[in-house]
Amino acid sequence: MRIAVAANAEALAQSLADEFSASRDVEIDIITGSSGKLTNQISNGAPIDIFMAADMSYPRHLYDTDWTTAAPIPYAKGILVVLSQDDFLKSGMTMDGLKSLAIPNPELAPYGRAAKELLEYQELWETVKPNLVYAENAVQAATYVVSGAAEAAITAKSSALQAQQEAEVFVLDINKVHYKPIIQGVVIIKRGKLHPYTKEFVDFLLSEAVQKRIKQHGYDLP
C-alpha cells in the first residue's frame, strides 16, 4: 500500500504505518513532499492509495476531479511556529531583523500560505520578502534552520519538534488567531482496484486512540 503524505506529517505517518503493518500482512510505502506536488503526481496517475494532505483544499480538488472515493476527512489541525537558532524571545530577535527567514513555498505548501498570512497580518510581508528563503515543504524549512542556511523559519510544529531531536534549536508557538486554521485531510484514491487495507488504515488514523497520539506529534485535533 502506498500512502502519499505531506512532509510535515511524515514522522506521524511512518509511526502509524509501522504499527498498522506489524499486525497485518501488508507493506506500506510512505511517499512525502509538498501537498501541491503530491496532488500533481496523483492527478498524473501516480500509483497512490491514500493521500494525507496538509490542508483540505488539495484533497478536495482531487475529490472534485473524481480522483477519490469520497470527500476528504479532517484528521489533524496543524500548528504554526517559529523555529530559530537562538531563543527568539530571550535574544530579542524580531522578524524584520532577520537576515534570513525560511518558509515553505506558499504556492505548494499550506504551511507556507499560513506563514504568508501571518506576515501579512503583522504587516511584515513586504519588509521581510527580500530575506525569505523558500523551502519546498515544512520539513525542508526546518532543515534550513538546523543546517544554518536560515536564522529562523516559520513552519509546522510537527517539523520543528523533529528538528529539535537533531539540533539545539528553539520553538515558539504563534498565536493561532493570526492565521487561518490548518485542517489536514485524508482521502482514499481511486485506482483500477482498491487496495484491501485502505479503508481500514483510514479508520485506524481516525480512531480515538490514534487521535490522542496525534497531539504528541505537534498537532491539535481537528
N, C-alpha and C. Protein backbone atom coordinates (compact mmCIF):
# COMPACT_ATOMS: atom_id res chain seq x y z
N MET A 1 0.85 -1.18 0.00
CA MET A 1 0.00 0.00 0.00
C MET A 1 0.89 1.24 0.00
N ARG A 2 0.53 2.22 -0.84
CA ARG A 2 1.34 3.43 -0.97
C ARG A 2 0.54 4.63 -0.44
N ILE A 3 1.15 5.33 0.52
CA ILE A 3 0.50 6.47 1.14
C ILE A 3 1.31 7.72 0.84
N ALA A 4 0.70 8.69 0.17
CA ALA A 4 1.33 9.99 -0.07
C ALA A 4 1.04 10.89 1.12
N VAL A 5 2.09 11.47 1.69
CA VAL A 5 1.95 12.21 2.94
C VAL A 5 2.63 13.57 2.82
N ALA A 6 1.90 14.63 3.17
CA ALA A 6 2.52 15.95 3.26
C ALA A 6 3.71 15.87 4.20
N ALA A 7 4.80 16.52 3.84
CA ALA A 7 6.07 16.34 4.55
C ALA A 7 5.96 16.55 6.06
N ASN A 8 5.12 17.50 6.48
CA ASN A 8 5.01 17.79 7.91
C ASN A 8 4.54 16.59 8.72
N ALA A 9 3.80 15.67 8.07
CA ALA A 9 3.22 14.53 8.78
C ALA A 9 3.99 13.23 8.53
N GLU A 10 5.20 13.32 7.98
CA GLU A 10 5.94 12.11 7.65
C GLU A 10 6.22 11.24 8.87
N ALA A 11 6.70 11.86 9.96
CA ALA A 11 7.03 11.08 11.17
C ALA A 11 5.77 10.41 11.73
N LEU A 12 4.67 11.14 11.75
CA LEU A 12 3.41 10.57 12.23
C LEU A 12 2.98 9.41 11.36
N ALA A 13 2.99 9.61 10.04
CA ALA A 13 2.53 8.57 9.12
C ALA A 13 3.41 7.32 9.19
N GLN A 14 4.72 7.52 9.32
CA GLN A 14 5.62 6.37 9.38
C GLN A 14 5.40 5.57 10.65
N SER A 15 5.18 6.28 11.75
CA SER A 15 4.90 5.60 13.02
C SER A 15 3.62 4.78 12.93
N LEU A 16 2.57 5.36 12.35
CA LEU A 16 1.30 4.65 12.22
C LEU A 16 1.41 3.50 11.23
N ALA A 17 2.15 3.70 10.14
CA ALA A 17 2.32 2.65 9.15
C ALA A 17 3.04 1.45 9.74
N ASP A 18 4.08 1.71 10.54
CA ASP A 18 4.83 0.62 11.17
C ASP A 18 3.92 -0.18 12.09
N GLU A 19 3.12 0.53 12.88
CA GLU A 19 2.22 -0.16 13.81
C GLU A 19 1.14 -0.94 13.06
N PHE A 20 0.58 -0.33 12.04
CA PHE A 20 -0.50 -0.95 11.28
C PHE A 20 -0.02 -2.21 10.56
N SER A 21 1.12 -2.12 9.91
CA SER A 21 1.61 -3.25 9.12
C SER A 21 2.14 -4.39 9.98
N ALA A 22 2.52 -4.08 11.23
CA ALA A 22 3.09 -5.12 12.11
C ALA A 22 2.09 -6.21 12.44
N SER A 23 0.81 -5.87 12.44
CA SER A 23 -0.22 -6.85 12.80
C SER A 23 -1.05 -7.30 11.60
N ARG A 24 -0.59 -6.91 10.40
CA ARG A 24 -1.32 -7.28 9.18
C ARG A 24 -0.33 -7.68 8.10
N ASP A 25 -0.81 -8.42 7.15
CA ASP A 25 0.05 -8.87 6.05
C ASP A 25 0.06 -7.81 4.95
N VAL A 26 0.70 -6.67 5.25
CA VAL A 26 0.73 -5.57 4.29
C VAL A 26 2.01 -4.76 4.48
N GLU A 27 2.64 -4.40 3.37
CA GLU A 27 3.78 -3.49 3.39
C GLU A 27 3.28 -2.10 3.00
N ILE A 28 3.78 -1.08 3.69
CA ILE A 28 3.33 0.29 3.42
C ILE A 28 4.53 1.15 3.03
N ASP A 29 4.43 1.79 1.88
CA ASP A 29 5.43 2.75 1.43
C ASP A 29 4.90 4.16 1.68
N ILE A 30 5.73 5.02 2.30
CA ILE A 30 5.37 6.41 2.54
C ILE A 30 6.09 7.28 1.52
N ILE A 31 5.32 8.05 0.76
CA ILE A 31 5.88 8.97 -0.22
C ILE A 31 5.60 10.38 0.27
N THR A 32 6.64 11.21 0.45
CA THR A 32 6.43 12.53 1.03
C THR A 32 6.78 13.65 0.05
N GLY A 33 6.24 14.82 0.34
CA GLY A 33 6.51 16.00 -0.46
C GLY A 33 5.53 17.09 -0.06
N SER A 34 5.55 18.19 -0.78
CA SER A 34 4.55 19.22 -0.52
C SER A 34 3.19 18.73 -1.00
N SER A 35 2.13 19.26 -0.40
CA SER A 35 0.78 18.83 -0.79
C SER A 35 0.51 19.14 -2.26
N GLY A 36 0.99 20.30 -2.72
CA GLY A 36 0.78 20.66 -4.11
C GLY A 36 1.48 19.72 -5.07
N LYS A 37 2.71 19.37 -4.76
CA LYS A 37 3.48 18.46 -5.61
C LYS A 37 2.84 17.08 -5.63
N LEU A 38 2.42 16.59 -4.48
CA LEU A 38 1.80 15.26 -4.40
C LEU A 38 0.47 15.24 -5.15
N THR A 39 -0.29 16.32 -5.05
CA THR A 39 -1.56 16.40 -5.77
C THR A 39 -1.33 16.32 -7.28
N ASN A 40 -0.31 17.01 -7.76
CA ASN A 40 0.02 16.95 -9.19
C ASN A 40 0.39 15.53 -9.61
N GLN A 41 1.16 14.85 -8.76
CA GLN A 41 1.56 13.48 -9.08
C GLN A 41 0.37 12.55 -9.15
N ILE A 42 -0.55 12.69 -8.18
CA ILE A 42 -1.75 11.85 -8.16
C ILE A 42 -2.62 12.14 -9.39
N SER A 43 -2.74 13.42 -9.72
CA SER A 43 -3.55 13.81 -10.89
C SER A 43 -2.95 13.29 -12.20
N ASN A 44 -1.66 12.99 -12.18
CA ASN A 44 -0.99 12.45 -13.36
C ASN A 44 -0.89 10.92 -13.33
N GLY A 45 -1.62 10.31 -12.38
CA GLY A 45 -1.71 8.86 -12.37
C GLY A 45 -0.71 8.13 -11.51
N ALA A 46 -0.03 8.83 -10.60
CA ALA A 46 0.92 8.16 -9.71
C ALA A 46 0.20 7.08 -8.90
N PRO A 47 0.84 5.92 -8.71
CA PRO A 47 0.17 4.80 -8.01
C PRO A 47 0.09 5.02 -6.49
N ILE A 48 -0.89 5.80 -6.07
CA ILE A 48 -1.09 6.14 -4.66
C ILE A 48 -2.44 5.59 -4.20
N ASP A 49 -2.47 5.06 -2.98
CA ASP A 49 -3.72 4.52 -2.43
C ASP A 49 -4.40 5.48 -1.47
N ILE A 50 -3.60 6.21 -0.66
CA ILE A 50 -4.14 7.13 0.34
C ILE A 50 -3.33 8.42 0.28
N PHE A 51 -3.99 9.55 0.46
CA PHE A 51 -3.31 10.85 0.48
C PHE A 51 -3.62 11.54 1.79
N MET A 52 -2.58 11.80 2.59
CA MET A 52 -2.69 12.58 3.82
C MET A 52 -2.10 13.96 3.53
N ALA A 53 -2.98 14.93 3.27
CA ALA A 53 -2.55 16.26 2.85
C ALA A 53 -2.37 17.20 4.04
N ALA A 54 -1.75 18.35 3.77
CA ALA A 54 -1.52 19.34 4.82
C ALA A 54 -2.68 20.32 4.97
N ASP A 55 -3.68 20.19 4.11
CA ASP A 55 -4.89 21.00 4.26
C ASP A 55 -6.05 20.25 3.63
N MET A 56 -7.18 20.91 3.48
CA MET A 56 -8.35 20.27 2.87
C MET A 56 -8.50 20.62 1.39
N SER A 57 -7.86 21.71 0.94
CA SER A 57 -8.08 22.17 -0.42
C SER A 57 -7.52 21.22 -1.47
N TYR A 58 -6.32 20.66 -1.22
CA TYR A 58 -5.73 19.76 -2.21
C TYR A 58 -6.50 18.44 -2.33
N PRO A 59 -6.84 17.76 -1.24
CA PRO A 59 -7.66 16.56 -1.39
C PRO A 59 -9.07 16.88 -1.89
N ARG A 60 -9.58 18.06 -1.56
CA ARG A 60 -10.89 18.46 -2.10
C ARG A 60 -10.83 18.61 -3.61
N HIS A 61 -9.72 19.16 -4.12
CA HIS A 61 -9.55 19.28 -5.57
C HIS A 61 -9.55 17.89 -6.21
N LEU A 62 -8.87 16.94 -5.59
CA LEU A 62 -8.84 15.57 -6.13
C LEU A 62 -10.23 14.95 -6.10
N TYR A 63 -10.99 15.24 -5.06
CA TYR A 63 -12.36 14.74 -4.97
C TYR A 63 -13.23 15.37 -6.06
N ASP A 64 -13.08 16.68 -6.24
CA ASP A 64 -13.89 17.39 -7.24
C ASP A 64 -13.58 16.93 -8.66
N THR A 65 -12.35 16.44 -8.87
CA THR A 65 -11.95 15.97 -10.21
C THR A 65 -12.02 14.45 -10.32
N ASP A 66 -12.75 13.83 -9.37
CA ASP A 66 -13.09 12.41 -9.43
C ASP A 66 -11.90 11.47 -9.26
N TRP A 67 -10.91 11.89 -8.46
CA TRP A 67 -9.76 11.02 -8.21
C TRP A 67 -9.89 10.24 -6.90
N THR A 68 -10.91 10.56 -6.08
CA THR A 68 -11.01 9.93 -4.77
C THR A 68 -12.36 9.21 -4.62
N THR A 69 -12.42 8.32 -3.65
CA THR A 69 -13.64 7.56 -3.41
C THR A 69 -14.69 8.36 -2.66
N ALA A 70 -14.26 9.39 -1.92
CA ALA A 70 -15.18 10.20 -1.11
C ALA A 70 -14.51 11.53 -0.81
N ALA A 71 -15.26 12.43 -0.20
CA ALA A 71 -14.73 13.75 0.17
C ALA A 71 -13.67 13.58 1.26
N PRO A 72 -12.73 14.53 1.36
CA PRO A 72 -11.69 14.44 2.39
C PRO A 72 -12.25 14.53 3.80
N ILE A 73 -11.58 13.86 4.71
CA ILE A 73 -11.96 13.86 6.13
C ILE A 73 -10.83 14.49 6.93
N PRO A 74 -11.11 15.42 7.83
CA PRO A 74 -10.07 16.03 8.66
C PRO A 74 -9.47 14.99 9.61
N TYR A 75 -8.14 15.00 9.74
CA TYR A 75 -7.52 14.08 10.69
C TYR A 75 -6.62 14.79 11.71
N ALA A 76 -6.28 16.05 11.47
CA ALA A 76 -5.43 16.80 12.40
C ALA A 76 -5.54 18.28 12.09
N LYS A 77 -5.19 19.10 13.07
CA LYS A 77 -5.12 20.55 12.87
C LYS A 77 -3.67 20.98 13.10
N GLY A 78 -3.07 21.59 12.09
CA GLY A 78 -1.67 21.98 12.17
C GLY A 78 -1.46 23.19 13.06
N ILE A 79 -0.25 23.30 13.58
CA ILE A 79 0.15 24.41 14.44
C ILE A 79 1.36 25.09 13.81
N LEU A 80 1.31 26.40 13.69
CA LEU A 80 2.39 27.17 13.09
C LEU A 80 3.32 27.69 14.20
N VAL A 81 4.63 27.57 13.97
CA VAL A 81 5.62 28.00 14.96
C VAL A 81 6.76 28.75 14.29
N VAL A 82 7.53 29.45 15.13
CA VAL A 82 8.82 29.98 14.70
C VAL A 82 9.90 29.05 15.23
N LEU A 83 10.74 28.57 14.35
CA LEU A 83 11.89 27.73 14.71
C LEU A 83 13.14 28.57 14.49
N SER A 84 14.01 28.66 15.48
CA SER A 84 15.16 29.55 15.35
C SER A 84 16.42 28.96 15.98
N GLN A 85 17.56 29.49 15.55
CA GLN A 85 18.85 29.05 16.09
C GLN A 85 19.03 29.55 17.52
N ASP A 86 18.52 30.72 17.81
CA ASP A 86 18.59 31.31 19.14
C ASP A 86 17.18 31.45 19.70
N ASP A 87 17.10 31.53 21.03
CA ASP A 87 15.80 31.70 21.67
C ASP A 87 15.18 33.01 21.21
N PHE A 88 14.09 32.91 20.47
CA PHE A 88 13.51 34.08 19.80
C PHE A 88 13.11 35.15 20.81
N LEU A 89 12.58 34.74 21.95
CA LEU A 89 12.13 35.71 22.94
C LEU A 89 13.28 36.30 23.75
N LYS A 90 14.15 35.44 24.26
CA LYS A 90 15.23 35.90 25.14
C LYS A 90 16.30 36.69 24.40
N SER A 91 16.50 36.38 23.13
CA SER A 91 17.55 37.06 22.37
C SER A 91 17.10 38.40 21.81
N GLY A 92 15.80 38.67 21.89
CA GLY A 92 15.29 39.92 21.35
C GLY A 92 15.18 39.93 19.83
N MET A 93 15.21 38.73 19.21
CA MET A 93 15.08 38.64 17.75
C MET A 93 13.71 39.12 17.31
N THR A 94 13.65 39.70 16.13
CA THR A 94 12.38 40.12 15.53
C THR A 94 12.35 39.66 14.09
N MET A 95 11.16 39.48 13.55
CA MET A 95 11.01 39.02 12.17
C MET A 95 11.71 39.97 11.20
N ASP A 96 11.49 41.28 11.40
CA ASP A 96 12.05 42.23 10.46
C ASP A 96 13.55 42.46 10.67
N GLY A 97 14.11 41.85 11.73
CA GLY A 97 15.54 41.99 11.96
C GLY A 97 16.35 40.80 11.47
N LEU A 98 15.67 39.79 10.93
CA LEU A 98 16.35 38.58 10.47
C LEU A 98 17.00 38.80 9.10
N LYS A 99 18.19 38.24 8.95
CA LYS A 99 18.86 38.29 7.65
C LYS A 99 18.34 37.19 6.73
N SER A 100 17.80 36.13 7.32
CA SER A 100 17.24 35.03 6.51
C SER A 100 16.13 34.35 7.28
N LEU A 101 14.97 34.23 6.63
CA LEU A 101 13.81 33.58 7.23
C LEU A 101 13.26 32.57 6.24
N ALA A 102 13.23 31.31 6.64
CA ALA A 102 12.74 30.26 5.76
C ALA A 102 11.24 30.04 5.96
N ILE A 103 10.53 29.87 4.85
CA ILE A 103 9.13 29.46 4.91
C ILE A 103 8.89 28.45 3.78
N PRO A 104 7.95 27.54 3.96
CA PRO A 104 7.58 26.67 2.83
C PRO A 104 7.00 27.52 1.70
N ASN A 105 7.17 27.06 0.49
CA ASN A 105 6.68 27.78 -0.68
C ASN A 105 5.15 27.93 -0.60
N PRO A 106 4.64 29.16 -0.51
CA PRO A 106 3.18 29.34 -0.40
C PRO A 106 2.40 28.81 -1.60
N GLU A 107 3.08 28.65 -2.74
CA GLU A 107 2.40 28.15 -3.94
C GLU A 107 2.14 26.64 -3.89
N LEU A 108 2.89 25.94 -3.03
CA LEU A 108 2.80 24.48 -2.99
C LEU A 108 2.44 23.92 -1.62
N ALA A 109 2.72 24.67 -0.57
CA ALA A 109 2.61 24.12 0.78
C ALA A 109 1.64 24.96 1.63
N PRO A 110 0.63 24.34 2.21
CA PRO A 110 -0.32 25.07 3.07
C PRO A 110 0.34 25.80 4.24
N TYR A 111 1.41 25.23 4.80
CA TYR A 111 2.09 25.93 5.89
C TYR A 111 2.80 27.19 5.38
N GLY A 112 3.19 27.18 4.12
CA GLY A 112 3.75 28.38 3.52
C GLY A 112 2.69 29.47 3.35
N ARG A 113 1.49 29.05 2.95
CA ARG A 113 0.39 30.01 2.84
C ARG A 113 0.06 30.61 4.21
N ALA A 114 0.06 29.76 5.22
CA ALA A 114 -0.22 30.24 6.58
C ALA A 114 0.87 31.20 7.05
N ALA A 115 2.13 30.90 6.72
CA ALA A 115 3.25 31.79 7.09
C ALA A 115 3.09 33.14 6.42
N LYS A 116 2.69 33.13 5.15
CA LYS A 116 2.48 34.39 4.43
C LYS A 116 1.32 35.17 5.06
N GLU A 117 0.24 34.48 5.42
CA GLU A 117 -0.90 35.12 6.08
C GLU A 117 -0.45 35.80 7.37
N LEU A 118 0.38 35.10 8.13
CA LEU A 118 0.88 35.64 9.40
C LEU A 118 1.67 36.92 9.17
N LEU A 119 2.59 36.87 8.22
CA LEU A 119 3.44 38.03 7.95
C LEU A 119 2.63 39.20 7.39
N GLU A 120 1.61 38.89 6.61
CA GLU A 120 0.74 39.96 6.11
C GLU A 120 -0.11 40.54 7.24
N TYR A 121 -0.57 39.69 8.13
CA TYR A 121 -1.35 40.14 9.28
C TYR A 121 -0.52 41.10 10.14
N GLN A 122 0.76 40.81 10.28
CA GLN A 122 1.66 41.64 11.08
C GLN A 122 2.25 42.79 10.26
N GLU A 123 1.80 42.92 9.01
CA GLU A 123 2.27 43.98 8.10
C GLU A 123 3.78 43.93 7.93
N LEU A 124 4.31 42.70 7.81
CA LEU A 124 5.75 42.50 7.66
C LEU A 124 6.12 41.85 6.32
N TRP A 125 5.14 41.44 5.54
CA TRP A 125 5.43 40.67 4.33
C TRP A 125 6.39 41.41 3.40
N GLU A 126 6.10 42.64 3.07
CA GLU A 126 6.95 43.38 2.15
C GLU A 126 8.32 43.66 2.75
N THR A 127 8.38 43.81 4.07
CA THR A 127 9.65 44.09 4.75
C THR A 127 10.58 42.88 4.71
N VAL A 128 10.04 41.69 5.00
CA VAL A 128 10.89 40.50 5.11
C VAL A 128 11.07 39.79 3.77
N LYS A 129 10.27 40.15 2.78
CA LYS A 129 10.29 39.44 1.49
C LYS A 129 11.69 39.31 0.89
N PRO A 130 12.54 40.34 0.92
CA PRO A 130 13.89 40.20 0.34
C PRO A 130 14.77 39.18 1.07
N ASN A 131 14.43 38.86 2.31
CA ASN A 131 15.24 37.94 3.10
C ASN A 131 14.63 36.55 3.25
N LEU A 132 13.55 36.30 2.50
CA LEU A 132 12.91 35.00 2.61
C LEU A 132 13.70 33.92 1.87
N VAL A 133 13.75 32.74 2.48
CA VAL A 133 14.33 31.56 1.85
C VAL A 133 13.18 30.57 1.66
N TYR A 134 12.84 30.26 0.42
CA TYR A 134 11.69 29.40 0.16
C TYR A 134 12.10 27.93 0.18
N ALA A 135 11.38 27.15 0.95
CA ALA A 135 11.59 25.71 1.02
C ALA A 135 10.46 25.01 0.29
N GLU A 136 10.70 23.78 -0.13
CA GLU A 136 9.65 23.05 -0.84
C GLU A 136 8.51 22.67 0.08
N ASN A 137 8.84 22.42 1.36
CA ASN A 137 7.81 21.98 2.30
C ASN A 137 8.22 22.35 3.72
N ALA A 138 7.36 22.00 4.69
CA ALA A 138 7.60 22.39 6.08
C ALA A 138 8.85 21.75 6.66
N VAL A 139 9.12 20.52 6.28
CA VAL A 139 10.32 19.83 6.79
C VAL A 139 11.58 20.50 6.29
N GLN A 140 11.61 20.84 5.01
CA GLN A 140 12.80 21.48 4.46
C GLN A 140 13.04 22.85 5.09
N ALA A 141 11.97 23.58 5.38
CA ALA A 141 12.11 24.87 6.06
C ALA A 141 12.78 24.70 7.41
N ALA A 142 12.38 23.67 8.15
CA ALA A 142 13.01 23.38 9.44
C ALA A 142 14.47 22.96 9.27
N THR A 143 14.74 22.19 8.23
CA THR A 143 16.10 21.73 7.96
C THR A 143 17.03 22.90 7.68
N TYR A 144 16.54 23.95 7.05
CA TYR A 144 17.36 25.13 6.78
C TYR A 144 17.86 25.77 8.08
N VAL A 145 17.06 25.72 9.13
CA VAL A 145 17.49 26.27 10.42
C VAL A 145 18.53 25.36 11.06
N VAL A 146 18.29 24.06 11.00
CA VAL A 146 19.23 23.10 11.58
C VAL A 146 20.60 23.20 10.91
N SER A 147 20.60 23.38 9.59
CA SER A 147 21.86 23.43 8.84
C SER A 147 22.54 24.79 8.91
N GLY A 148 21.81 25.80 9.38
CA GLY A 148 22.37 27.15 9.43
C GLY A 148 22.12 27.95 8.17
N ALA A 149 21.36 27.40 7.23
CA ALA A 149 21.07 28.12 5.99
C ALA A 149 20.09 29.26 6.22
N ALA A 150 19.38 29.23 7.33
CA ALA A 150 18.46 30.31 7.70
C ALA A 150 18.52 30.52 9.21
N GLU A 151 18.36 31.76 9.62
CA GLU A 151 18.38 32.06 11.05
C GLU A 151 17.14 31.52 11.75
N ALA A 152 16.02 31.57 11.03
CA ALA A 152 14.75 31.13 11.61
C ALA A 152 13.84 30.65 10.49
N ALA A 153 12.78 29.98 10.89
CA ALA A 153 11.78 29.51 9.93
C ALA A 153 10.40 29.63 10.56
N ILE A 154 9.42 29.90 9.72
CA ILE A 154 8.02 29.75 10.13
C ILE A 154 7.56 28.46 9.49
N THR A 155 7.19 27.50 10.32
CA THR A 155 6.93 26.16 9.78
C THR A 155 5.96 25.39 10.68
N ALA A 156 5.73 24.14 10.36
CA ALA A 156 4.83 23.29 11.14
C ALA A 156 5.48 22.90 12.47
N LYS A 157 4.69 22.89 13.53
CA LYS A 157 5.21 22.47 14.82
C LYS A 157 5.71 21.03 14.76
N SER A 158 5.02 20.18 14.02
CA SER A 158 5.45 18.78 13.90
C SER A 158 6.86 18.70 13.33
N SER A 159 7.17 19.52 12.34
CA SER A 159 8.51 19.52 11.73
C SER A 159 9.53 20.14 12.67
N ALA A 160 9.12 21.16 13.43
CA ALA A 160 10.02 21.80 14.38
C ALA A 160 10.40 20.84 15.51
N LEU A 161 9.46 20.04 15.98
CA LEU A 161 9.76 19.07 17.03
C LEU A 161 10.76 18.02 16.54
N GLN A 162 10.63 17.63 15.27
CA GLN A 162 11.60 16.70 14.69
C GLN A 162 12.98 17.34 14.64
N ALA A 163 13.02 18.63 14.26
CA ALA A 163 14.30 19.35 14.18
C ALA A 163 14.98 19.43 15.54
N GLN A 164 14.19 19.56 16.60
CA GLN A 164 14.76 19.64 17.95
C GLN A 164 15.46 18.35 18.36
N GLN A 165 15.11 17.25 17.72
CA GLN A 165 15.77 15.98 18.00
C GLN A 165 17.13 15.90 17.33
N GLU A 166 17.37 16.78 16.37
CA GLU A 166 18.61 16.75 15.61
C GLU A 166 19.60 17.83 16.05
N ALA A 167 19.09 18.93 16.59
CA ALA A 167 19.97 20.05 16.92
C ALA A 167 19.36 20.89 18.05
N GLU A 168 20.18 21.74 18.64
CA GLU A 168 19.70 22.63 19.69
C GLU A 168 19.09 23.87 19.03
N VAL A 169 17.80 23.79 18.79
CA VAL A 169 17.05 24.89 18.19
C VAL A 169 15.84 25.18 19.07
N PHE A 170 15.24 26.33 18.85
CA PHE A 170 14.19 26.79 19.74
C PHE A 170 12.87 26.92 18.98
N VAL A 171 11.79 26.56 19.67
CA VAL A 171 10.45 26.57 19.06
C VAL A 171 9.56 27.53 19.83
N LEU A 172 8.90 28.43 19.09
CA LEU A 172 7.98 29.38 19.69
C LEU A 172 6.63 29.26 19.00
N ASP A 173 5.60 28.91 19.76
CA ASP A 173 4.25 28.83 19.19
C ASP A 173 3.77 30.22 18.78
N ILE A 174 3.03 30.27 17.68
CA ILE A 174 2.47 31.53 17.17
C ILE A 174 1.01 31.61 17.57
N ASN A 175 0.58 32.78 17.94
CA ASN A 175 -0.82 32.99 18.31
C ASN A 175 -1.73 32.52 17.17
N LYS A 176 -2.62 31.59 17.46
CA LYS A 176 -3.43 30.96 16.41
C LYS A 176 -4.46 31.90 15.78
N VAL A 177 -4.73 33.04 16.40
CA VAL A 177 -5.68 33.98 15.80
C VAL A 177 -5.04 34.73 14.63
N HIS A 178 -3.72 34.59 14.45
CA HIS A 178 -3.01 35.34 13.42
C HIS A 178 -2.94 34.61 12.07
N TYR A 179 -3.51 33.40 12.01
CA TYR A 179 -3.55 32.68 10.74
C TYR A 179 -4.77 31.76 10.74
N LYS A 180 -5.22 31.42 9.54
CA LYS A 180 -6.40 30.58 9.40
C LYS A 180 -6.08 29.16 9.87
N PRO A 181 -7.06 28.44 10.43
CA PRO A 181 -6.82 27.07 10.88
C PRO A 181 -6.29 26.20 9.75
N ILE A 182 -5.29 25.39 10.06
CA ILE A 182 -4.69 24.48 9.07
C ILE A 182 -5.25 23.09 9.32
N ILE A 183 -6.36 22.77 8.64
CA ILE A 183 -7.02 21.48 8.83
C ILE A 183 -6.47 20.50 7.80
N GLN A 184 -5.87 19.43 8.27
CA GLN A 184 -5.25 18.45 7.39
C GLN A 184 -6.25 17.34 7.08
N GLY A 185 -6.33 16.95 5.79
CA GLY A 185 -7.34 16.00 5.36
C GLY A 185 -6.76 14.74 4.74
N VAL A 186 -7.53 13.67 4.81
CA VAL A 186 -7.12 12.38 4.25
C VAL A 186 -8.20 11.90 3.27
N VAL A 187 -7.75 11.30 2.17
CA VAL A 187 -8.67 10.72 1.18
C VAL A 187 -8.11 9.39 0.67
N ILE A 188 -9.01 8.54 0.20
CA ILE A 188 -8.63 7.30 -0.48
C ILE A 188 -8.69 7.57 -1.98
N ILE A 189 -7.62 7.22 -2.67
CA ILE A 189 -7.51 7.49 -4.11
C ILE A 189 -8.10 6.33 -4.90
N LYS A 190 -8.89 6.69 -5.93
CA LYS A 190 -9.45 5.67 -6.83
C LYS A 190 -8.33 5.08 -7.68
N ARG A 191 -8.35 3.76 -7.83
CA ARG A 191 -7.43 3.09 -8.74
C ARG A 191 -8.20 1.97 -9.43
N GLY A 192 -7.53 1.27 -10.35
CA GLY A 192 -8.21 0.18 -11.06
C GLY A 192 -8.80 -0.83 -10.09
N LYS A 193 -8.07 -1.08 -9.02
CA LYS A 193 -8.55 -1.99 -7.97
C LYS A 193 -8.11 -1.43 -6.63
N LEU A 194 -9.05 -1.13 -5.76
CA LEU A 194 -8.70 -0.55 -4.47
C LEU A 194 -7.93 -1.55 -3.62
N HIS A 195 -6.91 -1.03 -2.92
CA HIS A 195 -6.16 -1.90 -2.01
C HIS A 195 -7.08 -2.34 -0.87
N PRO A 196 -7.02 -3.59 -0.46
CA PRO A 196 -7.95 -4.08 0.56
C PRO A 196 -7.81 -3.45 1.94
N TYR A 197 -6.68 -2.76 2.19
CA TYR A 197 -6.47 -2.21 3.53
C TYR A 197 -6.65 -0.70 3.62
N THR A 198 -7.04 -0.05 2.52
CA THR A 198 -7.11 1.41 2.56
C THR A 198 -8.12 1.93 3.59
N LYS A 199 -9.35 1.42 3.53
CA LYS A 199 -10.37 1.91 4.45
C LYS A 199 -10.00 1.59 5.90
N GLU A 200 -9.43 0.43 6.11
CA GLU A 200 -9.05 0.05 7.47
C GLU A 200 -7.98 0.98 8.01
N PHE A 201 -7.03 1.39 7.15
CA PHE A 201 -5.98 2.30 7.62
C PHE A 201 -6.57 3.67 7.95
N VAL A 202 -7.48 4.18 7.11
CA VAL A 202 -8.09 5.47 7.39
C VAL A 202 -8.90 5.41 8.68
N ASP A 203 -9.63 4.33 8.90
CA ASP A 203 -10.37 4.16 10.15
C ASP A 203 -9.41 4.14 11.34
N PHE A 204 -8.27 3.50 11.16
CA PHE A 204 -7.23 3.46 12.20
C PHE A 204 -6.72 4.86 12.49
N LEU A 205 -6.44 5.64 11.45
CA LEU A 205 -5.96 7.02 11.60
C LEU A 205 -6.95 7.87 12.37
N LEU A 206 -8.24 7.65 12.13
CA LEU A 206 -9.29 8.47 12.74
C LEU A 206 -9.78 7.92 14.08
N SER A 207 -9.23 6.80 14.50
CA SER A 207 -9.67 6.18 15.76
C SER A 207 -9.32 7.07 16.95
N GLU A 208 -10.06 6.91 18.02
CA GLU A 208 -9.86 7.74 19.22
C GLU A 208 -8.44 7.58 19.77
N ALA A 209 -7.93 6.36 19.78
CA ALA A 209 -6.60 6.12 20.33
C ALA A 209 -5.52 6.84 19.53
N VAL A 210 -5.62 6.77 18.20
CA VAL A 210 -4.61 7.43 17.36
C VAL A 210 -4.77 8.94 17.41
N GLN A 211 -6.00 9.43 17.47
CA GLN A 211 -6.21 10.87 17.55
C GLN A 211 -5.56 11.47 18.80
N LYS A 212 -5.55 10.74 19.89
CA LYS A 212 -4.87 11.21 21.10
C LYS A 212 -3.36 11.29 20.86
N ARG A 213 -2.82 10.33 20.13
CA ARG A 213 -1.38 10.32 19.86
C ARG A 213 -0.97 11.41 18.89
N ILE A 214 -1.90 11.81 18.02
CA ILE A 214 -1.60 12.85 17.04
C ILE A 214 -1.15 14.13 17.73
N LYS A 215 -1.73 14.44 18.88
CA LYS A 215 -1.35 15.65 19.60
C LYS A 215 0.12 15.61 20.05
N GLN A 216 0.62 14.41 20.30
CA GLN A 216 2.01 14.28 20.71
C GLN A 216 2.99 14.57 19.57
N HIS A 217 2.47 14.56 18.34
CA HIS A 217 3.32 14.81 17.18
C HIS A 217 3.27 16.29 16.74
N GLY A 218 2.67 17.15 17.55
CA GLY A 218 2.69 18.57 17.23
C GLY A 218 1.44 19.09 16.55
N TYR A 219 0.31 18.46 16.81
CA TYR A 219 -0.96 18.88 16.19
C TYR A 219 -2.02 19.09 17.26
N ASP A 220 -3.06 19.81 16.87
CA ASP A 220 -4.30 19.83 17.63
C ASP A 220 -5.26 18.88 16.94
N LEU A 221 -6.34 18.54 17.61
CA LEU A 221 -7.36 17.71 16.98
C LEU A 221 -8.24 18.60 16.09
N PRO A 222 -8.70 18.07 14.96
CA PRO A 222 -9.49 18.89 14.02
C PRO A 222 -10.87 19.24 14.58
